[in-house]
Amino acid sequence: MKAFSRGVAVAVLHILIVLSLGGKLLYDRAHRPRVWVRTGYIDPDLPVRGRYFTLRLQVDAPWFKPTARYATEDVQLSVEHGVLIASKTDSH
């Protein structure tokens, strides 16, 4: 009978773990912004880097001008009207 009660306890624990994960996913879906982002990838062909790849997100950045020269800019990503927007931050 002890083995049966331990088995039930383990089963209940597993069910609680799965339910807590489901609850977290439902909370995230209700409270986190959702947006589809177009991506492009780069597969570096350098032996030093190994089998890694880099994703590039295509975002709207109204302040960006392709002809201007920029130093490394810190940006903050946010969602506005279902579109991912990059805004400059003043972190320097």
PDB file of N, CA and C in Angstrom:
ATOM      1  N   MET A   1       0.832  -1.199   0.000  1.00  0.00           N
ATOM      2  CA  MET A   1       0.000   0.000   0.000  1.00  0.00           C
ATOM      3  C   MET A   1       0.871   1.256   0.000  1.00  0.00           C
ATOM      4  N   LYS A   2       2.080   1.162   0.633  1.00  0.00           N
ATOM      5  CA  LYS A   2       2.969   2.314   0.659  1.00  0.00           C
ATOM      6  C   LYS A   2       3.420   2.691  -0.744  1.00  0.00           C
ATOM      7  N   ALA A   3       3.701   1.687  -1.581  1.00  0.00           N
ATOM      8  CA  ALA A   3       4.156   1.950  -2.946  1.00  0.00           C
ATOM      9  C   ALA A   3       3.060   2.656  -3.736  1.00  0.00           C
ATOM     10  N   PHE A   4       1.827   2.272  -3.499  1.00  0.00           N
ATOM     11  CA  PHE A   4       0.711   2.904  -4.203  1.00  0.00           C
ATOM     12  C   PHE A   4       0.579   4.377  -3.817  1.00  0.00           C
ATOM     13  N   SER A   5       0.702   4.682  -2.527  1.00  0.00           N
ATOM     14  CA  SER A   5       0.562   6.074  -2.097  1.00  0.00           C
ATOM     15  C   SER A   5       1.745   6.919  -2.581  1.00  0.00           C
ATOM     16  N   ARG A   6       2.947   6.338  -2.645  1.00  0.00           N
ATOM     17  CA  ARG A   6       4.085   7.081  -3.205  1.00  0.00           C
ATOM     18  C   ARG A   6       3.876   7.354  -4.690  1.00  0.00           C
ATOM     19  N   GLY A   7       3.360   6.369  -5.393  1.00  0.00           N
ATOM     20  CA  GLY A   7       3.081   6.536  -6.825  1.00  0.00           C
ATOM     21  C   GLY A   7       2.048   7.629  -7.071  1.00  0.00           C
ATOM     22  N   VAL A   8       1.023   7.653  -6.255  1.00  0.00           N
ATOM     23  CA  VAL A   8       0.002   8.690  -6.374  1.00  0.00           C
ATOM     24  C   VAL A   8       0.601  10.056  -6.063  1.00  0.00           C
ATOM     25  N   ALA A   9       1.465  10.127  -5.054  1.00  0.00           N
ATOM     26  CA  ALA A   9       2.106  11.402  -4.700  1.00  0.00           C
ATOM     27  C   ALA A   9       2.982  11.904  -5.847  1.00  0.00           C
ATOM     28  N   VAL A  10       3.725  11.010  -6.476  1.00  0.00           N
ATOM     29  CA  VAL A  10       4.569  11.402  -7.619  1.00  0.00           C
ATOM     30  C   VAL A  10       3.694  11.855  -8.779  1.00  0.00           C
ATOM     31  N   ALA A  11       2.608  11.155  -9.045  1.00  0.00           N
ATOM     32  CA  ALA A  11       1.699  11.533 -10.131  1.00  0.00           C
ATOM     33  C   ALA A  11       1.087  12.905  -9.873  1.00  0.00           C
ATOM     34  N   VAL A  12       0.657  13.163  -8.637  1.00  0.00           N
ATOM     35  CA  VAL A  12       0.084  14.462  -8.285  1.00  0.00           C
ATOM     36  C   VAL A  12       1.134  15.562  -8.437  1.00  0.00           C
ATOM     37  N   LEU A  13       2.370  15.286  -8.040  1.00  0.00           N
ATOM     38  CA  LEU A  13       3.443  16.256  -8.203  1.00  0.00           C
ATOM     39  C   LEU A  13       3.673  16.584  -9.679  1.00  0.00           C
ATOM     40  N   HIS A  14       3.689  15.563 -10.530  1.00  0.00           N
ATOM     41  CA  HIS A  14       3.849  15.796 -11.968  1.00  0.00           C
ATOM     42  C   HIS A  14       2.690  16.615 -12.538  1.00  0.00           C
ATOM     43  N   ILE A  15       1.513  16.322 -12.125  1.00  0.00           N
ATOM     44  CA  ILE A  15       0.345  17.064 -12.602  1.00  0.00           C
ATOM     45  C   ILE A  15       0.436  18.525 -12.165  1.00  0.00           C
ATOM     46  N   LEU A  16       0.857  18.767 -10.928  1.00  0.00           N
ATOM     47  CA  LEU A  16       1.008  20.145 -10.448  1.00  0.00           C
ATOM     48  C   LEU A  16       2.085  20.893 -11.224  1.00  0.00           C
ATOM     49  N   ILE A  17       3.167  20.227 -11.567  1.00  0.00           N
ATOM     50  CA  ILE A  17       4.226  20.869 -12.351  1.00  0.00           C
ATOM     51  C   ILE A  17       3.702  21.259 -13.720  1.00  0.00           C
ATOM     52  N   VAL A  18       2.996  20.353 -14.385  1.00  0.00           N
ATOM     53  CA  VAL A  18       2.451  20.650 -15.716  1.00  0.00           C
ATOM     54  C   VAL A  18       1.409  21.766 -15.645  1.00  0.00           C
ATOM     55  N   LEU A  19       0.564  21.744 -14.632  1.00  0.00           N
ATOM     56  CA  LEU A  19      -0.446  22.796 -14.488  1.00  0.00           C
ATOM     57  C   LEU A  19       0.196  24.151 -14.199  1.00  0.00           C
ATOM     58  N   SER A  20       1.274  24.168 -13.415  1.00  0.00           N
ATOM     59  CA  SER A  20       1.936  25.446 -13.141  1.00  0.00           C
ATOM     60  C   SER A  20       2.570  25.996 -14.412  1.00  0.00           C
ATOM     61  N   LEU A  21       3.132  25.148 -15.249  1.00  0.00           N
ATOM     62  CA  LEU A  21       3.688  25.597 -16.525  1.00  0.00           C
ATOM     63  C   LEU A  21       2.582  26.136 -17.430  1.00  0.00           C
ATOM     64  N   GLY A  22       1.460  25.428 -17.478  1.00  0.00           N
ATOM     65  CA  GLY A  22       0.330  25.903 -18.277  1.00  0.00           C
ATOM     66  C   GLY A  22      -0.197  27.232 -17.771  1.00  0.00           C
ATOM     67  N   GLY A  23      -0.260  27.405 -16.455  1.00  0.00           N
ATOM     68  CA  GLY A  23      -0.705  28.677 -15.880  1.00  0.00           C
ATOM     69  C   GLY A  23       0.232  29.813 -16.217  1.00  0.00           C
ATOM     70  N   LYS A  24       1.539  29.553 -16.166  1.00  0.00           N
ATOM     71  CA  LYS A  24       2.519  30.587 -16.518  1.00  0.00           C
ATOM     72  C   LYS A  24       2.381  30.974 -17.984  1.00  0.00           C
ATOM     73  N   LEU A  25       2.213  30.001 -18.858  1.00  0.00           N
ATOM     74  CA  LEU A  25       2.055  30.311 -20.283  1.00  0.00           C
ATOM     75  C   LEU A  25       0.783  31.114 -20.542  1.00  0.00           C
ATOM     76  N   LEU A  26      -0.295  30.781 -19.870  1.00  0.00           N
ATOM     77  CA  LEU A  26      -1.537  31.551 -20.032  1.00  0.00           C
ATOM     78  C   LEU A  26      -1.368  32.973 -19.504  1.00  0.00           C
ATOM     79  N   TYR A  27      -0.669  33.129 -18.382  1.00  0.00           N
ATOM     80  CA  TYR A  27      -0.407  34.470 -17.848  1.00  0.00           C
ATOM     81  C   TYR A  27       0.434  35.285 -18.828  1.00  0.00           C
ATOM     82  N   ASP A  28       1.508  34.676 -19.344  1.00  0.00           N
ATOM     83  CA  ASP A  28       2.362  35.385 -20.304  1.00  0.00           C
ATOM     84  C   ASP A  28       1.589  35.791 -21.543  1.00  0.00           C
ATOM     85  N   ARG A  29       0.742  34.914 -22.037  1.00  0.00           N
ATOM     86  CA  ARG A  29      -0.039  35.226 -23.240  1.00  0.00           C
ATOM     87  C   ARG A  29      -0.994  36.391 -22.993  1.00  0.00           C
ATOM     88  N   ALA A  30      -1.526  36.495 -21.788  1.00  0.00           N
ATOM     89  CA  ALA A  30      -2.480  37.560 -21.480  1.00  0.00           C
ATOM     90  C   ALA A  30      -1.795  38.891 -21.179  1.00  0.00           C
ATOM     91  N   HIS A  31      -0.562  38.876 -20.657  1.00  0.00           N
ATOM     92  CA  HIS A  31       0.068  40.105 -20.179  1.00  0.00           C
ATOM     93  C   HIS A  31       1.300  40.557 -20.947  1.00  0.00           C
ATOM     94  N   ARG A  32       1.858  39.735 -21.788  1.00  0.00           N
ATOM     95  CA  ARG A  32       3.057  40.113 -22.537  1.00  0.00           C
ATOM     96  C   ARG A  32       2.668  40.557 -23.939  1.00  0.00           C
ATOM     97  N   PRO A  33       3.406  41.526 -24.493  1.00  0.00           N
ATOM     98  CA  PRO A  33       3.096  41.944 -25.865  1.00  0.00           C
ATOM     99  C   PRO A  33       3.460  40.853 -26.864  1.00  0.00           C
ATOM    100  N   ARG A  34       2.640  40.753 -27.895  1.00  0.00           N
ATOM    101  CA  ARG A  34       2.902  39.770 -28.941  1.00  0.00           C
ATOM    102  C   ARG A  34       3.052  40.498 -30.266  1.00  0.00           C
ATOM    103  N   VAL A  35       4.040  40.069 -31.015  1.00  0.00           N
ATOM    104  CA  VAL A  35       4.273  40.680 -32.315  1.00  0.00           C
ATOM    105  C   VAL A  35       5.028  39.678 -33.183  1.00  0.00           C
ATOM    106  N   TRP A  36       4.734  39.695 -34.483  1.00  0.00           N
ATOM    107  CA  TRP A  36       5.498  38.904 -35.430  1.00  0.00           C
ATOM    108  C   TRP A  36       6.610  39.780 -35.964  1.00  0.00           C
ATOM    109  N   VAL A  37       7.812  39.233 -36.031  1.00  0.00           N
ATOM    110  CA  VAL A  37       8.972  39.985 -36.500  1.00  0.00           C
ATOM    111  C   VAL A  37       9.629  39.212 -37.625  1.00  0.00           C
ATOM    112  N   ARG A  38       9.893  39.917 -38.706  1.00  0.00           N
ATOM    113  CA  ARG A  38      10.606  39.301 -39.823  1.00  0.00           C
ATOM    114  C   ARG A  38      12.088  39.191 -39.452  1.00  0.00           C
ATOM    115  N   THR A  39      12.668  38.045 -39.682  1.00  0.00           N
ATOM    116  CA  THR A  39      14.074  37.837 -39.333  1.00  0.00           C
ATOM    117  C   THR A  39      14.855  37.394 -40.560  1.00  0.00           C
ATOM    118  N   GLY A  40      16.128  37.642 -40.511  1.00  0.00           N
ATOM    119  CA  GLY A  40      17.054  37.116 -41.499  1.00  0.00           C
ATOM    120  C   GLY A  40      18.221  36.546 -40.740  1.00  0.00           C
ATOM    121  N   TYR A  41      18.830  35.520 -41.237  1.00  0.00           N
ATOM    122  CA  TYR A  41      19.914  34.924 -40.478  1.00  0.00           C
ATOM    123  C   TYR A  41      21.232  35.017 -41.249  1.00  0.00           C
ATOM    124  N   ILE A  42      22.290  34.966 -40.499  1.00  0.00           N
ATOM    125  CA  ILE A  42      23.633  34.941 -41.054  1.00  0.00           C
ATOM    126  C   ILE A  42      24.287  33.687 -40.512  1.00  0.00           C
ATOM    127  N   ASP A  43      24.823  32.889 -41.384  1.00  0.00           N
ATOM    128  CA  ASP A  43      25.523  31.690 -40.959  1.00  0.00           C
ATOM    129  C   ASP A  43      27.013  31.925 -41.150  1.00  0.00           C
ATOM    130  N   PRO A  44      27.720  32.281 -40.092  1.00  0.00           N
ATOM    131  CA  PRO A  44      29.140  32.576 -40.255  1.00  0.00           C
ATOM    132  C   PRO A  44      29.909  31.326 -40.661  1.00  0.00           C
ATOM    133  N   ASP A  45      30.793  31.490 -41.612  1.00  0.00           N
ATOM    134  CA  ASP A  45      31.568  30.362 -42.114  1.00  0.00           C
ATOM    135  C   ASP A  45      33.006  30.477 -41.622  1.00  0.00           C
ATOM    136  N   LEU A  46      33.152  30.701 -40.322  1.00  0.00           N
ATOM    137  CA  LEU A  46      34.474  30.792 -39.727  1.00  0.00           C
ATOM    138  C   LEU A  46      34.680  29.609 -38.787  1.00  0.00           C
ATOM    139  N   PRO A  47      35.818  28.929 -38.882  1.00  0.00           N
ATOM    140  CA  PRO A  47      36.045  27.780 -37.997  1.00  0.00           C
ATOM    141  C   PRO A  47      36.078  28.166 -36.518  1.00  0.00           C
ATOM    142  N   VAL A  48      36.445  29.406 -36.216  1.00  0.00           N
ATOM    143  CA  VAL A  48      36.531  29.841 -34.829  1.00  0.00           C
ATOM    144  C   VAL A  48      35.146  29.905 -34.192  1.00  0.00           C
ATOM    145  N   ARG A  49      34.135  30.284 -34.957  1.00  0.00           N
ATOM    146  CA  ARG A  49      32.788  30.478 -34.405  1.00  0.00           C
ATOM    147  C   ARG A  49      32.023  29.181 -34.204  1.00  0.00           C
ATOM    148  N   GLY A  50      32.366  28.145 -34.892  1.00  0.00           N
ATOM    149  CA  GLY A  50      31.640  26.897 -34.722  1.00  0.00           C
ATOM    150  C   GLY A  50      30.322  26.929 -35.462  1.00  0.00           C
ATOM    151  N   ARG A  51      29.338  26.235 -34.926  1.00  0.00           N
ATOM    152  CA  ARG A  51      28.042  26.122 -35.601  1.00  0.00           C
ATOM    153  C   ARG A  51      27.006  27.051 -34.987  1.00  0.00           C
ATOM    154  N   TYR A  52      27.339  28.288 -34.865  1.00  0.00           N
ATOM    155  CA  TYR A  52      26.410  29.281 -34.338  1.00  0.00           C
ATOM    156  C   TYR A  52      25.879  30.102 -35.490  1.00  0.00           C
ATOM    157  N   PHE A  53      24.771  30.751 -35.278  1.00  0.00           N
ATOM    158  CA  PHE A  53      24.267  31.679 -36.272  1.00  0.00           C
ATOM    159  C   PHE A  53      23.687  32.892 -35.569  1.00  0.00           C
ATOM    160  N   THR A  54      23.578  33.975 -36.309  1.00  0.00           N
ATOM    161  CA  THR A  54      23.082  35.228 -35.771  1.00  0.00           C
ATOM    162  C   THR A  54      21.750  35.556 -36.427  1.00  0.00           C
ATOM    163  N   LEU A  55      20.781  35.979 -35.631  1.00  0.00           N
ATOM    164  CA  LEU A  55      19.500  36.430 -36.179  1.00  0.00           C
ATOM    165  C   LEU A  55      19.499  37.942 -36.262  1.00  0.00           C
ATOM    166  N   ARG A  56      18.977  38.467 -37.335  1.00  0.00           N
ATOM    167  CA  ARG A  56      18.786  39.903 -37.469  1.00  0.00           C
ATOM    168  C   ARG A  56      17.294  40.179 -37.514  1.00  0.00           C
ATOM    169  N   LEU A  57      16.844  41.029 -36.610  1.00  0.00           N
ATOM    170  CA  LEU A  57      15.432  41.408 -36.579  1.00  0.00           C
ATOM    171  C   LEU A  57      15.222  42.611 -37.476  1.00  0.00           C
ATOM    172  N   GLN A  58      14.193  42.568 -38.275  1.00  0.00           N
ATOM    173  CA  GLN A  58      13.838  43.718 -39.090  1.00  0.00           C
ATOM    174  C   GLN A  58      12.783  44.513 -38.315  1.00  0.00           C
ATOM    175  N   VAL A  59      13.187  45.682 -37.825  1.00  0.00           N
ATOM    176  CA  VAL A  59      12.299  46.508 -37.008  1.00  0.00           C
ATOM    177  C   VAL A  59      12.166  47.888 -37.633  1.00  0.00           C
ATOM    178  N   ASP A  60      11.111  48.586 -37.250  1.00  0.00           N
ATOM    179  CA  ASP A  60      10.940  49.977 -37.674  1.00  0.00           C
ATOM    180  C   ASP A  60      11.756  50.874 -36.756  1.00  0.00           C
ATOM    181  N   ALA A  61      12.539  51.760 -37.344  1.00  0.00           N
ATOM    182  CA  ALA A  61      13.320  52.741 -36.594  1.00  0.00           C
ATOM    183  C   ALA A  61      13.188  54.068 -37.328  1.00  0.00           C
ATOM    184  N   PRO A  62      12.176  54.884 -36.984  1.00  0.00           N
ATOM    185  CA  PRO A  62      11.929  56.125 -37.714  1.00  0.00           C
ATOM    186  C   PRO A  62      13.104  57.102 -37.665  1.00  0.00           C
ATOM    187  N   TRP A  63      13.933  57.039 -36.654  1.00  0.00           N
ATOM    188  CA  TRP A  63      15.058  57.965 -36.492  1.00  0.00           C
ATOM    189  C   TRP A  63      16.258  57.563 -37.338  1.00  0.00           C
ATOM    190  N   PHE A  64      16.274  56.353 -37.856  1.00  0.00           N
ATOM    191  CA  PHE A  64      17.435  55.843 -38.576  1.00  0.00           C
ATOM    192  C   PHE A  64      17.427  56.323 -40.026  1.00  0.00           C
ATOM    193  N   LYS A  65      18.576  56.824 -40.465  1.00  0.00           N
ATOM    194  CA  LYS A  65      18.744  57.231 -41.863  1.00  0.00           C
ATOM    195  C   LYS A  65      19.884  56.390 -42.439  1.00  0.00           C
ATOM    196  N   PRO A  66      19.655  55.666 -43.530  1.00  0.00           N
ATOM    197  CA  PRO A  66      20.666  54.748 -44.051  1.00  0.00           C
ATOM    198  C   PRO A  66      21.956  55.444 -44.496  1.00  0.00           C
ATOM    199  N   THR A  67      21.890  56.705 -44.872  1.00  0.00           N
ATOM    200  CA  THR A  67      23.086  57.396 -45.357  1.00  0.00           C
ATOM    201  C   THR A  67      23.929  57.975 -44.232  1.00  0.00           C
ATOM    202  N   ALA A  68      23.392  58.082 -43.037  1.00  0.00           N
ATOM    203  CA  ALA A  68      24.137  58.660 -41.904  1.00  0.00           C
ATOM    204  C   ALA A  68      25.067  57.617 -41.306  1.00  0.00           C
ATOM    205  N   ARG A  69      26.111  58.098 -40.644  1.00  0.00           N
ATOM    206  CA  ARG A  69      27.061  57.209 -39.957  1.00  0.00           C
ATOM    207  C   ARG A  69      26.713  57.204 -38.471  1.00  0.00           C
ATOM    208  N   TYR A  70      26.569  56.023 -37.916  1.00  0.00           N
ATOM    209  CA  TYR A  70      26.197  55.878 -36.518  1.00  0.00           C
ATOM    210  C   TYR A  70      27.289  55.126 -35.761  1.00  0.00           C
ATOM    211  N   ALA A  71      27.524  55.560 -34.550  1.00  0.00           N
ATOM    212  CA  ALA A  71      28.329  54.745 -33.643  1.00  0.00           C
ATOM    213  C   ALA A  71      27.386  53.680 -33.093  1.00  0.00           C
ATOM    214  N   THR A  72      27.858  52.857 -32.235  1.00  0.00           N
ATOM    215  CA  THR A  72      26.985  51.849 -31.646  1.00  0.00           C
ATOM    216  C   THR A  72      25.897  52.560 -30.851  1.00  0.00           C
ATOM    217  N   GLU A  73      24.665  52.314 -31.211  1.00  0.00           N
ATOM    218  CA  GLU A  73      23.514  52.950 -30.565  1.00  0.00           C
ATOM    219  C   GLU A  73      22.812  51.942 -29.667  1.00  0.00           C
ATOM    220  N   ASP A  74      22.428  52.374 -28.486  1.00  0.00           N
ATOM    221  CA  ASP A  74      21.590  51.550 -27.626  1.00  0.00           C
ATOM    222  C   ASP A  74      20.140  51.843 -27.978  1.00  0.00           C
ATOM    223  N   VAL A  75      19.377  50.795 -28.187  1.00  0.00           N
ATOM    224  CA  VAL A  75      17.975  50.951 -28.524  1.00  0.00           C
ATOM    225  C   VAL A  75      17.130  50.128 -27.566  1.00  0.00           C
ATOM    226  N   GLN A  76      15.876  50.526 -27.466  1.00  0.00           N
ATOM    227  CA  GLN A  76      14.900  49.788 -26.687  1.00  0.00           C
ATOM    228  C   GLN A  76      13.826  49.324 -27.651  1.00  0.00           C
ATOM    229  N   LEU A  77      13.492  48.044 -27.596  1.00  0.00           N
ATOM    230  CA  LEU A  77      12.473  47.493 -28.465  1.00  0.00           C
ATOM    231  C   LEU A  77      11.128  47.533 -27.754  1.00  0.00           C
ATOM    232  N   SER A  78      10.105  47.961 -28.484  1.00  0.00           N
ATOM    233  CA  SER A  78       8.754  47.987 -27.925  1.00  0.00           C
ATOM    234  C   SER A  78       7.766  47.654 -29.025  1.00  0.00           C
ATOM    235  N   VAL A  79       6.554  47.343 -28.631  1.00  0.00           N
ATOM    236  CA  VAL A  79       5.510  46.990 -29.581  1.00  0.00           C
ATOM    237  C   VAL A  79       4.495  48.118 -29.618  1.00  0.00           C
ATOM    238  N   GLU A  80       4.239  48.643 -30.816  1.00  0.00           N
ATOM    239  CA  GLU A  80       3.230  49.681 -31.002  1.00  0.00           C
ATOM    240  C   GLU A  80       2.341  49.280 -32.167  1.00  0.00           C
ATOM    241  N   HIS A  81       1.068  49.111 -31.896  1.00  0.00           N
ATOM    242  CA  HIS A  81       0.078  48.741 -32.910  1.00  0.00           C
ATOM    243  C   HIS A  81       0.477  47.458 -33.635  1.00  0.00           C
ATOM    244  N   GLY A  82       1.031  46.500 -32.901  1.00  0.00           N
ATOM    245  CA  GLY A  82       1.392  45.220 -33.476  1.00  0.00           C
ATOM    246  C   GLY A  82       2.665  45.216 -34.294  1.00  0.00           C
ATOM    247  N   VAL A  83       3.479  46.281 -34.196  1.00  0.00           N
ATOM    248  CA  VAL A  83       4.731  46.380 -34.936  1.00  0.00           C
ATOM    249  C   VAL A  83       5.862  46.593 -33.947  1.00  0.00           C
ATOM    250  N   LEU A  84       6.998  45.935 -34.182  1.00  0.00           N
ATOM    251  CA  LEU A  84       8.160  46.100 -33.319  1.00  0.00           C
ATOM    252  C   LEU A  84       8.892  47.379 -33.705  1.00  0.00           C
ATOM    253  N   ILE A  85       9.100  48.267 -32.728  1.00  0.00           N
ATOM    254  CA  ILE A  85       9.711  49.573 -32.936  1.00  0.00           C
ATOM    255  C   ILE A  85      11.007  49.648 -32.138  1.00  0.00           C
ATOM    256  N   ALA A  86      12.059  50.199 -32.754  1.00  0.00           N
ATOM    257  CA  ALA A  86      13.319  50.451 -32.053  1.00  0.00           C
ATOM    258  C   ALA A  86      13.406  51.933 -31.739  1.00  0.00           C
ATOM    259  N   SER A  87      13.574  52.276 -30.462  1.00  0.00           N
ATOM    260  CA  SER A  87      13.690  53.654 -30.025  1.00  0.00           C
ATOM    261  C   SER A  87      15.065  53.842 -29.404  1.00  0.00           C
ATOM    262  N   LYS A  88      15.671  55.026 -29.641  1.00  0.00           N
ATOM    263  CA  LYS A  88      16.977  55.325 -29.040  1.00  0.00           C
ATOM    264  C   LYS A  88      16.823  55.447 -27.532  1.00  0.00           C
ATOM    265  N   THR A  89      17.865  55.049 -26.814  1.00  0.00           N
ATOM    266  CA  THR A  89      17.903  55.252 -25.372  1.00  0.00           C
ATOM    267  C   THR A  89      19.083  56.153 -25.052  1.00  0.00           C
ATOM    268  N   ASP A  90      18.977  56.910 -23.987  1.00  0.00           N
ATOM    269  CA  ASP A  90      20.051  57.796 -23.555  1.00  0.00           C
ATOM    270  C   ASP A  90      20.784  57.155 -22.386  1.00  0.00           C
ATOM    271  N   SER A  91      21.533  56.094 -22.678  1.00  0.00           N
ATOM    272  CA  SER A  91      22.209  55.367 -21.595  1.00  0.00           C
ATOM    273  C   SER A  91      23.652  55.811 -21.421  1.00  0.00           C
ATOM    274  N   HIS A  92      24.151  56.716 -22.244  1.00  0.00           N
ATOM    275  CA  HIS A  92      25.563  57.137 -22.131  1.00  0.00           C
ATOM    276  C   HIS A  92      25.715  58.261 -21.192  1.00  0.00           C
TER     277      HIS A  92
END
